[in-house]
Amino acid sequence: MDNLKTNDDLIKELLTPEEQTELYNEVDQEVKKIHGGFREGSGRKKKNPDNVLQFQMRVSKKEKSFLQYARSHNIDYDELMEG
């Protein structure tokens, strides 16, 4: 079993380079017919760098004003919760 050959090895041995490309093209067409293959526009869409996501806070006005105050005065929340 040491001299096993793959399909690619057999194709390279038995076919000329032109026949190889023709065979590979036929295989690609058949695969696209069955599985769809790589299609134009498929996959993730590119992100627009100008479209920046907005940060939303769902808190009351009182909580929002406290958070703004704490951020502007660099208050450490962990220290506040321990004390």
N, C-alpha and C. Protein backbone atom coordinates (compact mmCIF):
# COMPACT_ATOMS: atom_id res chain seq x y z
N MET A 1 0.81 -1.20 0.00
CA MET A 1 0.00 0.00 0.00
C MET A 1 0.85 1.26 0.00
N ASP A 2 2.15 1.14 -0.16
CA ASP A 2 3.02 2.31 -0.16
C ASP A 2 2.89 3.13 -1.43
N ASN A 3 2.51 2.51 -2.53
CA ASN A 3 2.44 3.23 -3.80
C ASN A 3 1.00 3.58 -4.17
N LEU A 4 0.30 4.23 -3.22
CA LEU A 4 -1.05 4.73 -3.50
C LEU A 4 -0.94 6.03 -4.28
N LYS A 5 -1.85 6.24 -5.20
CA LYS A 5 -1.84 7.45 -6.01
C LYS A 5 -3.15 8.20 -5.79
N THR A 6 -3.04 9.49 -5.72
CA THR A 6 -4.23 10.32 -5.59
C THR A 6 -4.80 10.61 -6.97
N ASN A 7 -5.98 11.19 -6.97
CA ASN A 7 -6.60 11.57 -8.25
C ASN A 7 -5.75 12.60 -8.98
N ASP A 8 -5.17 13.53 -8.23
CA ASP A 8 -4.33 14.55 -8.86
C ASP A 8 -3.10 13.93 -9.51
N ASP A 9 -2.51 12.92 -8.85
CA ASP A 9 -1.35 12.23 -9.44
C ASP A 9 -1.73 11.56 -10.75
N LEU A 10 -2.86 10.88 -10.77
CA LEU A 10 -3.29 10.20 -11.98
C LEU A 10 -3.61 11.19 -13.11
N ILE A 11 -4.23 12.30 -12.75
CA ILE A 11 -4.56 13.31 -13.76
C ILE A 11 -3.28 13.86 -14.37
N LYS A 12 -2.26 14.11 -13.54
CA LYS A 12 -1.00 14.64 -14.06
C LYS A 12 -0.27 13.63 -14.94
N GLU A 13 -0.38 12.34 -14.60
CA GLU A 13 0.29 11.30 -15.38
C GLU A 13 -0.39 11.05 -16.72
N LEU A 14 -1.72 10.99 -16.72
CA LEU A 14 -2.44 10.52 -17.89
C LEU A 14 -2.89 11.61 -18.86
N LEU A 15 -3.02 12.86 -18.39
CA LEU A 15 -3.56 13.91 -19.25
C LEU A 15 -2.52 14.97 -19.56
N THR A 16 -2.70 15.61 -20.72
CA THR A 16 -1.83 16.73 -21.09
C THR A 16 -2.28 17.96 -20.30
N PRO A 17 -1.44 19.00 -20.20
CA PRO A 17 -1.83 20.21 -19.46
C PRO A 17 -3.13 20.84 -19.96
N GLU A 18 -3.37 20.81 -21.28
CA GLU A 18 -4.62 21.36 -21.82
C GLU A 18 -5.82 20.55 -21.36
N GLU A 19 -5.66 19.23 -21.38
CA GLU A 19 -6.75 18.36 -20.93
C GLU A 19 -6.99 18.52 -19.43
N GLN A 20 -5.93 18.76 -18.68
CA GLN A 20 -6.07 18.97 -17.24
C GLN A 20 -6.89 20.22 -16.94
N THR A 21 -6.58 21.32 -17.62
CA THR A 21 -7.33 22.55 -17.39
C THR A 21 -8.78 22.40 -17.83
N GLU A 22 -9.00 21.69 -18.93
CA GLU A 22 -10.37 21.45 -19.39
C GLU A 22 -11.15 20.63 -18.36
N LEU A 23 -10.51 19.61 -17.81
CA LEU A 23 -11.16 18.76 -16.80
C LEU A 23 -11.49 19.58 -15.55
N TYR A 24 -10.53 20.37 -15.08
CA TYR A 24 -10.76 21.19 -13.88
C TYR A 24 -11.88 22.21 -14.12
N ASN A 25 -11.95 22.79 -15.31
CA ASN A 25 -13.02 23.74 -15.62
C ASN A 25 -14.38 23.06 -15.61
N GLU A 26 -14.45 21.85 -16.16
CA GLU A 26 -15.72 21.11 -16.16
C GLU A 26 -16.15 20.77 -14.74
N VAL A 27 -15.19 20.38 -13.91
CA VAL A 27 -15.49 20.07 -12.51
C VAL A 27 -16.01 21.31 -11.79
N ASP A 28 -15.35 22.46 -12.00
CA ASP A 28 -15.79 23.70 -11.36
C ASP A 28 -17.21 24.07 -11.78
N GLN A 29 -17.53 23.92 -13.07
CA GLN A 29 -18.88 24.22 -13.54
C GLN A 29 -19.91 23.30 -12.91
N GLU A 30 -19.57 22.04 -12.79
CA GLU A 30 -20.51 21.07 -12.20
C GLU A 30 -20.74 21.37 -10.72
N VAL A 31 -19.68 21.73 -10.03
CA VAL A 31 -19.81 22.06 -8.61
C VAL A 31 -20.67 23.30 -8.44
N LYS A 32 -20.47 24.32 -9.27
CA LYS A 32 -21.28 25.53 -9.19
C LYS A 32 -22.74 25.24 -9.47
N LYS A 33 -23.00 24.29 -10.38
CA LYS A 33 -24.37 23.93 -10.72
C LYS A 33 -25.06 23.29 -9.51
N ILE A 34 -24.32 22.46 -8.77
CA ILE A 34 -24.91 21.72 -7.65
C ILE A 34 -24.91 22.54 -6.37
N HIS A 35 -23.75 23.12 -6.02
CA HIS A 35 -23.60 23.78 -4.73
C HIS A 35 -23.70 25.30 -4.81
N GLY A 36 -23.75 25.86 -5.95
CA GLY A 36 -23.84 27.30 -6.08
C GLY A 36 -22.48 27.95 -6.21
N GLY A 37 -21.47 27.43 -5.54
CA GLY A 37 -20.13 27.98 -5.64
C GLY A 37 -20.04 29.38 -5.08
N PHE A 38 -18.94 30.04 -5.30
CA PHE A 38 -18.74 31.42 -4.85
C PHE A 38 -19.55 32.34 -5.74
N ARG A 39 -20.40 33.12 -5.12
CA ARG A 39 -21.26 34.01 -5.88
C ARG A 39 -20.88 35.46 -5.62
N GLU A 40 -21.12 36.28 -6.59
CA GLU A 40 -20.86 37.71 -6.47
C GLU A 40 -21.74 38.29 -5.38
N GLY A 41 -21.15 39.03 -4.46
CA GLY A 41 -21.92 39.69 -3.41
C GLY A 41 -22.23 38.80 -2.22
N SER A 42 -21.73 37.57 -2.20
CA SER A 42 -22.01 36.72 -1.05
C SER A 42 -21.02 37.03 0.07
N GLY A 43 -21.36 36.63 1.26
CA GLY A 43 -20.48 36.85 2.40
C GLY A 43 -20.82 38.13 3.13
N ARG A 44 -19.97 38.49 4.07
CA ARG A 44 -20.21 39.68 4.87
C ARG A 44 -20.02 40.95 4.04
N LYS A 45 -20.86 41.90 4.29
CA LYS A 45 -20.77 43.17 3.60
C LYS A 45 -19.65 44.00 4.24
N LYS A 46 -19.00 44.83 3.45
CA LYS A 46 -17.96 45.71 3.94
C LYS A 46 -18.58 46.80 4.79
N LYS A 47 -17.92 47.13 5.91
CA LYS A 47 -18.42 48.18 6.78
C LYS A 47 -17.98 49.54 6.26
N ASN A 48 -18.88 50.49 6.34
CA ASN A 48 -18.60 51.85 5.94
C ASN A 48 -17.91 52.55 7.12
N PRO A 49 -16.69 53.05 6.97
CA PRO A 49 -16.00 53.67 8.10
C PRO A 49 -16.67 54.96 8.57
N ASP A 50 -17.49 55.57 7.71
CA ASP A 50 -18.19 56.79 8.11
C ASP A 50 -19.40 56.51 8.98
N ASN A 51 -19.91 55.26 8.95
CA ASN A 51 -21.09 54.90 9.71
C ASN A 51 -20.65 54.37 11.08
N VAL A 52 -20.53 55.27 12.05
CA VAL A 52 -20.08 54.89 13.38
C VAL A 52 -21.31 54.58 14.24
N LEU A 53 -21.23 53.48 14.98
CA LEU A 53 -22.34 53.10 15.83
C LEU A 53 -22.48 54.07 17.00
N GLN A 54 -23.71 54.30 17.40
CA GLN A 54 -23.99 55.19 18.52
C GLN A 54 -24.11 54.38 19.80
N PHE A 55 -23.57 54.89 20.90
CA PHE A 55 -23.68 54.24 22.18
C PHE A 55 -24.97 54.72 22.84
N GLN A 56 -25.79 53.79 23.31
CA GLN A 56 -27.07 54.15 23.93
C GLN A 56 -27.07 53.72 25.39
N MET A 57 -27.54 54.62 26.24
CA MET A 57 -27.71 54.29 27.66
C MET A 57 -29.20 54.27 27.95
N ARG A 58 -29.66 53.18 28.55
CA ARG A 58 -31.06 53.09 28.95
C ARG A 58 -31.14 53.26 30.46
N VAL A 59 -31.02 54.50 30.87
CA VAL A 59 -31.08 54.84 32.30
C VAL A 59 -31.96 56.07 32.47
N SER A 60 -32.31 56.33 33.71
CA SER A 60 -33.13 57.52 33.98
C SER A 60 -32.26 58.77 33.85
N LYS A 61 -32.91 59.93 33.85
CA LYS A 61 -32.18 61.18 33.73
C LYS A 61 -31.25 61.39 34.92
N LYS A 62 -31.72 60.99 36.09
CA LYS A 62 -30.91 61.15 37.31
C LYS A 62 -29.66 60.27 37.24
N GLU A 63 -29.84 59.02 36.78
CA GLU A 63 -28.70 58.11 36.65
C GLU A 63 -27.73 58.62 35.58
N LYS A 64 -28.27 59.14 34.50
CA LYS A 64 -27.43 59.65 33.41
C LYS A 64 -26.60 60.84 33.89
N SER A 65 -27.21 61.73 34.63
CA SER A 65 -26.45 62.89 35.12
C SER A 65 -25.37 62.45 36.10
N PHE A 66 -25.65 61.42 36.94
CA PHE A 66 -24.63 60.91 37.85
C PHE A 66 -23.47 60.29 37.07
N LEU A 67 -23.77 59.51 36.05
CA LEU A 67 -22.71 58.88 35.25
C LEU A 67 -21.84 59.93 34.56
N GLN A 68 -22.46 60.98 34.03
CA GLN A 68 -21.69 62.04 33.40
C GLN A 68 -20.80 62.75 34.41
N TYR A 69 -21.34 63.00 35.61
CA TYR A 69 -20.56 63.63 36.67
C TYR A 69 -19.38 62.74 37.07
N ALA A 70 -19.65 61.44 37.26
CA ALA A 70 -18.61 60.51 37.68
C ALA A 70 -17.51 60.40 36.63
N ARG A 71 -17.87 60.39 35.37
CA ARG A 71 -16.87 60.31 34.30
C ARG A 71 -16.03 61.57 34.22
N SER A 72 -16.67 62.71 34.37
CA SER A 72 -15.92 63.96 34.26
C SER A 72 -14.98 64.17 35.44
N HIS A 73 -15.28 63.57 36.62
CA HIS A 73 -14.45 63.73 37.81
C HIS A 73 -13.60 62.48 38.10
N ASN A 74 -13.57 61.54 37.16
CA ASN A 74 -12.75 60.32 37.29
C ASN A 74 -12.99 59.59 38.60
N ILE A 75 -14.24 59.36 38.93
CA ILE A 75 -14.60 58.65 40.16
C ILE A 75 -14.45 57.16 39.93
N ASP A 76 -13.82 56.46 40.90
CA ASP A 76 -13.60 55.03 40.83
C ASP A 76 -14.82 54.31 41.42
N TYR A 77 -15.55 53.59 40.56
CA TYR A 77 -16.78 52.92 40.99
C TYR A 77 -16.49 51.80 42.01
N ASP A 78 -15.39 51.07 41.81
CA ASP A 78 -15.06 49.97 42.72
C ASP A 78 -14.81 50.50 44.13
N GLU A 79 -14.13 51.62 44.22
CA GLU A 79 -13.85 52.21 45.52
C GLU A 79 -15.14 52.68 46.19
N LEU A 80 -16.04 53.23 45.40
CA LEU A 80 -17.33 53.69 45.95
C LEU A 80 -18.15 52.51 46.49
N MET A 81 -18.14 51.39 45.78
CA MET A 81 -18.96 50.25 46.17
C MET A 81 -18.39 49.56 47.42
N GLU A 82 -17.08 49.62 47.64
CA GLU A 82 -16.49 49.02 48.82
C GLU A 82 -16.78 49.85 50.07
N GLY A 83 -16.76 51.17 49.93
CA GLY A 83 -16.83 52.08 51.07
C GLY A 83 -18.18 52.16 51.64
